[in-house]
Amino acid sequence: MSNILKEEKNHLENSNSKRQKIIRKTLEAADGLSLGISMVIAVF
C-alpha cells in the first residue's frame, strides 16, 4: 500500500472511527445472523 493511501486510510479511520465501529458491529452482527441462518438451514 502506498503512503498516500495509508495517510488517507488513517484520516478516514480517525474522522469516522465512531461510525466505523458501528459499521463493524453491524457487519459482525449480520455475519453472526447469516451464520445462524446457515446453520439452521443446514440442520433441516
Protein backbone atom coordinates (compact mmCIF):
# COMPACT_ATOMS: atom_id res chain seq x y z
CA MET A 1 0.00 0.00 0.00
CA SER A 2 1.37 3.42 -0.91
CA ASN A 3 1.96 6.09 1.72
CA ILE A 4 -0.77 8.32 0.26
CA LEU A 5 -3.31 5.53 0.64
CA LYS A 6 -2.11 4.86 4.19
CA GLU A 7 -2.49 8.54 5.08
CA GLU A 8 -5.96 8.65 3.55
CA LYS A 9 -6.93 5.46 5.38
CA ASN A 10 -5.69 6.85 8.70
CA HIS A 11 -7.52 10.11 8.13
CA LEU A 12 -10.73 8.26 7.30
CA GLU A 13 -10.38 6.00 10.32
CA ASN A 14 -9.81 8.97 12.62
CA SER A 15 -12.73 11.01 11.31
CA ASN A 16 -15.10 8.06 11.05
CA SER A 17 -13.88 5.92 13.94
CA LYS A 18 -17.22 6.03 15.77
CA ARG A 19 -19.08 5.35 12.53
CA GLN A 20 -16.57 2.63 11.59
CA LYS A 21 -17.15 0.89 14.94
CA ILE A 22 -20.91 0.97 14.39
CA ILE A 23 -20.49 -0.35 10.84
CA ARG A 24 -18.11 -3.09 12.05
CA LYS A 25 -20.54 -4.10 14.83
CA THR A 26 -23.39 -4.15 12.32
CA LEU A 27 -21.35 -6.26 9.90
CA GLU A 28 -20.36 -8.65 12.69
CA ALA A 29 -23.99 -8.94 13.78
CA ALA A 30 -25.07 -9.56 10.18
CA ASP A 31 -22.28 -12.14 9.86
CA GLY A 32 -23.43 -13.90 13.02
CA LEU A 33 -27.04 -13.76 11.85
CA SER A 34 -26.25 -15.21 8.42
CA LEU A 35 -24.11 -17.89 10.07
CA GLY A 36 -27.00 -18.75 12.38
CA ILE A 37 -29.41 -18.89 9.45
CA SER A 38 -26.96 -21.10 7.52
CA MET A 39 -26.71 -23.47 10.49
CA VAL A 40 -30.50 -23.62 10.86
CA ILE A 41 -30.84 -24.36 7.13
CA ALA A 42 -28.09 -26.99 7.38
CA VAL A 43 -29.89 -28.69 10.28
CA PHE A 44 -33.17 -29.02 8.38
